[in-house]
Amino acid sequence: MISYWEARADLFGNDRMLLPMDKSGALKEEDNVALERGVVQILPQRDTDGHALVFYDPSRHDPKLGYSNQSMVS
């Protein structure tokens, strides 16, 4: 449980870590740009244990759009 909150603090900072995990909460505007470009995608299938699978496609990253590549893979 502690690792979870430490990871949220690292990813979103103390000011956003407690906000809902949606575009109007913890995910700020530059995160939305990256998500809309498909840099990170949740795949429709789950693994054998039922976990969601996330696909990271660095070819869709565009540093000129104002978001950090590191923020997508932390």
Protein backbone atom coordinates (compact mmCIF):
# COMPACT_ATOMS: atom_id res chain seq x y z
CA MET A 1 0.00 0.00 0.00
CA ILE A 2 2.84 2.39 0.86
CA SER A 3 4.55 1.69 -2.47
CA TYR A 4 1.33 2.57 -4.28
CA TRP A 5 1.10 6.02 -2.67
CA GLU A 6 4.82 6.64 -3.10
CA ALA A 7 4.47 5.86 -6.82
CA ARG A 8 1.46 8.19 -7.14
CA ALA A 9 3.41 10.96 -5.41
CA ASP A 10 6.37 10.40 -7.77
CA LEU A 11 4.17 10.42 -10.87
CA PHE A 12 1.74 13.21 -10.04
CA GLY A 13 3.37 15.23 -7.28
CA ASN A 14 1.92 15.97 -3.87
CA ASP A 15 -0.60 18.45 -5.26
CA ARG A 16 -2.28 15.95 -7.64
CA MET A 17 -1.64 12.52 -6.11
CA LEU A 18 -4.99 12.40 -4.27
CA LEU A 19 -7.10 13.55 -7.21
CA PRO A 20 -9.16 11.05 -9.26
CA MET A 21 -7.21 9.23 -11.98
CA ASP A 22 -9.00 10.90 -14.88
CA LYS A 23 -8.48 13.79 -17.28
CA SER A 24 -10.19 16.27 -14.96
CA GLY A 25 -8.22 15.12 -11.92
CA ALA A 26 -4.65 13.84 -11.64
CA LEU A 27 -4.01 13.75 -15.37
CA LYS A 28 -3.12 17.27 -16.37
CA GLU A 29 -3.34 18.83 -19.82
CA GLU A 30 0.04 17.67 -21.12
CA ASP A 31 -0.79 14.13 -19.98
CA ASN A 32 -4.00 14.32 -22.01
CA VAL A 33 -2.01 15.20 -25.13
CA ALA A 34 0.16 12.11 -24.72
CA LEU A 35 -2.82 9.88 -23.96
CA GLU A 36 -4.74 11.16 -26.99
CA ARG A 37 -1.72 10.47 -29.22
CA GLY A 38 -1.70 6.85 -28.04
CA VAL A 39 1.77 6.89 -26.46
CA VAL A 40 0.31 4.69 -23.71
CA GLN A 41 -2.61 2.42 -24.50
CA ILE A 42 -4.60 -0.04 -22.42
CA LEU A 43 -5.01 -3.20 -24.47
CA PRO A 44 -8.43 -4.85 -24.79
CA GLN A 45 -7.16 -8.24 -23.53
CA ARG A 46 -6.06 -8.99 -19.96
CA ASP A 47 -3.28 -11.31 -18.82
CA THR A 48 -3.99 -14.76 -17.39
CA ASP A 49 -4.40 -13.28 -13.89
CA GLY A 50 -6.89 -10.66 -15.08
CA HIS A 51 -4.53 -7.67 -14.99
CA ALA A 52 -4.91 -4.92 -17.55
CA LEU A 53 -2.11 -4.78 -20.12
CA VAL A 54 -0.54 -1.45 -21.01
CA PHE A 55 1.32 -0.88 -24.29
CA TYR A 56 3.88 1.92 -24.59
CA ASP A 57 4.58 3.11 -28.15
CA PRO A 58 7.54 5.53 -28.17
CA SER A 59 7.08 6.20 -31.89
CA ARG A 60 3.96 8.23 -31.00
CA HIS A 61 5.90 10.51 -28.62
CA ASP A 62 6.35 14.08 -29.87
CA PRO A 63 8.48 16.25 -27.56
CA LYS A 64 7.33 19.40 -29.40
CA LEU A 65 3.85 18.96 -27.87
CA GLY A 66 5.02 19.86 -24.35
CA TYR A 67 4.91 16.63 -22.40
CA SER A 68 7.80 14.63 -21.02
CA ASN A 69 8.56 11.17 -22.39
CA GLN A 70 9.71 10.27 -18.86
CA SER A 71 6.27 11.11 -17.48
CA MET A 72 4.80 8.37 -19.65
CA VAL A 73 7.15 5.61 -18.48
CA SER A 74 7.84 6.40 -14.82
